[in-house]
Amino acid sequence: MSMTQNPFADNQGRQTIDAASRLHAVADFDLEQCQAALKVPGLQKTVEKRLRARIRKLEKMKA
């Protein structure tokens, strides 16, 4: 999965894999990044829930 497909990866290709770091990162994601993040293999359930909540919030703001 490339960096553009994995918003948890930095510019050097290193990925955050722990739930706490991922939850922190989600707060700054845009809609496209949230949707890509949902496809990351091994995604923790708590991170998935936060991503879905962020998507709902961003969609409401867009409307």
C-alpha atoms as a PDB file:
ATOM      1  CA  MET A   1       0.000   0.000   0.000  1.00  0.00           C
ATOM      2  CA  SER A   2       1.547   3.308  -1.026  1.00  0.00           C
ATOM      3  CA  MET A   3       1.686   6.442   1.110  1.00  0.00           C
ATOM      4  CA  THR A   4      -1.119   8.018  -0.900  1.00  0.00           C
ATOM      5  CA  GLN A   5      -3.266   5.004  -0.097  1.00  0.00           C
ATOM      6  CA  ASN A   6      -2.219   4.890   3.548  1.00  0.00           C
ATOM      7  CA  PRO A   7      -2.685   8.194   5.345  1.00  0.00           C
ATOM      8  CA  PHE A   8      -0.991   6.731   8.433  1.00  0.00           C
ATOM      9  CA  ALA A   9       2.341   6.656   6.538  1.00  0.00           C
ATOM     10  CA  ASP A  10       4.770   9.570   6.671  1.00  0.00           C
ATOM     11  CA  ASN A  11       6.839  10.982   3.792  1.00  0.00           C
ATOM     12  CA  GLN A  12       9.451   8.271   4.285  1.00  0.00           C
ATOM     13  CA  GLY A  13       6.950   5.428   4.202  1.00  0.00           C
ATOM     14  CA  ARG A  14       6.971   4.732   7.942  1.00  0.00           C
ATOM     15  CA  GLN A  15       3.552   3.906   9.327  1.00  0.00           C
ATOM     16  CA  THR A  16       1.944   4.420  12.675  1.00  0.00           C
ATOM     17  CA  ILE A  17       0.494   1.122  13.761  1.00  0.00           C
ATOM     18  CA  ASP A  18      -0.562   1.653  17.352  1.00  0.00           C
ATOM     19  CA  ALA A  19      -4.150   2.691  17.998  1.00  0.00           C
ATOM     20  CA  ALA A  20      -3.279   5.764  20.080  1.00  0.00           C
ATOM     21  CA  SER A  21      -1.145   7.294  17.317  1.00  0.00           C
ATOM     22  CA  ARG A  22      -3.737   6.494  14.689  1.00  0.00           C
ATOM     23  CA  LEU A  23      -6.549   7.997  16.762  1.00  0.00           C
ATOM     24  CA  HIS A  24      -4.492  11.171  17.155  1.00  0.00           C
ATOM     25  CA  ALA A  25      -3.845  11.349  13.395  1.00  0.00           C
ATOM     26  CA  VAL A  26      -7.512  10.951  12.433  1.00  0.00           C
ATOM     27  CA  ALA A  27      -8.352  14.376  13.888  1.00  0.00           C
ATOM     28  CA  ASP A  28      -6.448  16.039  11.035  1.00  0.00           C
ATOM     29  CA  PHE A  29      -7.636  13.813   8.180  1.00  0.00           C
ATOM     30  CA  ASP A  30      -9.806  15.109   5.374  1.00  0.00           C
ATOM     31  CA  LEU A  31     -12.616  13.033   3.861  1.00  0.00           C
ATOM     32  CA  GLU A  32     -10.391  11.369   1.265  1.00  0.00           C
ATOM     33  CA  GLN A  33      -7.814  10.386   3.872  1.00  0.00           C
ATOM     34  CA  CYS A  34     -10.515   8.939   6.134  1.00  0.00           C
ATOM     35  CA  GLN A  35     -11.888   6.816   3.329  1.00  0.00           C
ATOM     36  CA  ALA A  36      -8.401   5.574   2.429  1.00  0.00           C
ATOM     37  CA  ALA A  37      -7.629   4.840   6.075  1.00  0.00           C
ATOM     38  CA  LEU A  38     -10.650   2.544   6.328  1.00  0.00           C
ATOM     39  CA  LYS A  39      -8.943   0.280   3.766  1.00  0.00           C
ATOM     40  CA  VAL A  40      -5.688  -0.085   5.731  1.00  0.00           C
ATOM     41  CA  PRO A  41      -5.106  -3.741   6.647  1.00  0.00           C
ATOM     42  CA  GLY A  42      -5.136  -4.511  10.358  1.00  0.00           C
ATOM     43  CA  LEU A  43      -7.063  -1.385  11.294  1.00  0.00           C
ATOM     44  CA  GLN A  44      -8.133  -1.409  14.935  1.00  0.00           C
ATOM     45  CA  LYS A  45     -11.876  -1.283  15.658  1.00  0.00           C
ATOM     46  CA  THR A  46     -11.546   1.857  17.784  1.00  0.00           C
ATOM     47  CA  VAL A  47      -9.755   3.608  14.938  1.00  0.00           C
ATOM     48  CA  GLU A  48     -12.409   2.458  12.475  1.00  0.00           C
ATOM     49  CA  LYS A  49     -15.145   3.893  14.709  1.00  0.00           C
ATOM     50  CA  ARG A  50     -13.302   7.213  15.007  1.00  0.00           C
ATOM     51  CA  LEU A  51     -12.817   7.335  11.227  1.00  0.00           C
ATOM     52  CA  ARG A  52     -16.510   6.735  10.588  1.00  0.00           C
ATOM     53  CA  ALA A  53     -17.430   9.471  13.075  1.00  0.00           C
ATOM     54  CA  ARG A  54     -14.958  11.843  11.387  1.00  0.00           C
ATOM     55  CA  ILE A  55     -16.449  11.037   7.974  1.00  0.00           C
ATOM     56  CA  ARG A  56     -19.947  11.847   9.251  1.00  0.00           C
ATOM     57  CA  LYS A  57     -18.697  15.132  10.702  1.00  0.00           C
ATOM     58  CA  LEU A  58     -16.915  16.135   7.496  1.00  0.00           C
ATOM     59  CA  GLU A  59     -19.949  15.255   5.379  1.00  0.00           C
ATOM     60  CA  LYS A  60     -22.182  17.386   7.609  1.00  0.00           C
ATOM     61  CA  MET A  61     -19.764  20.306   7.325  1.00  0.00           C
ATOM     62  CA  LYS A  62     -19.740  19.895   3.535  1.00  0.00           C
ATOM     63  CA  ALA A  63     -23.546  19.988   3.246  1.00  0.00           C
END
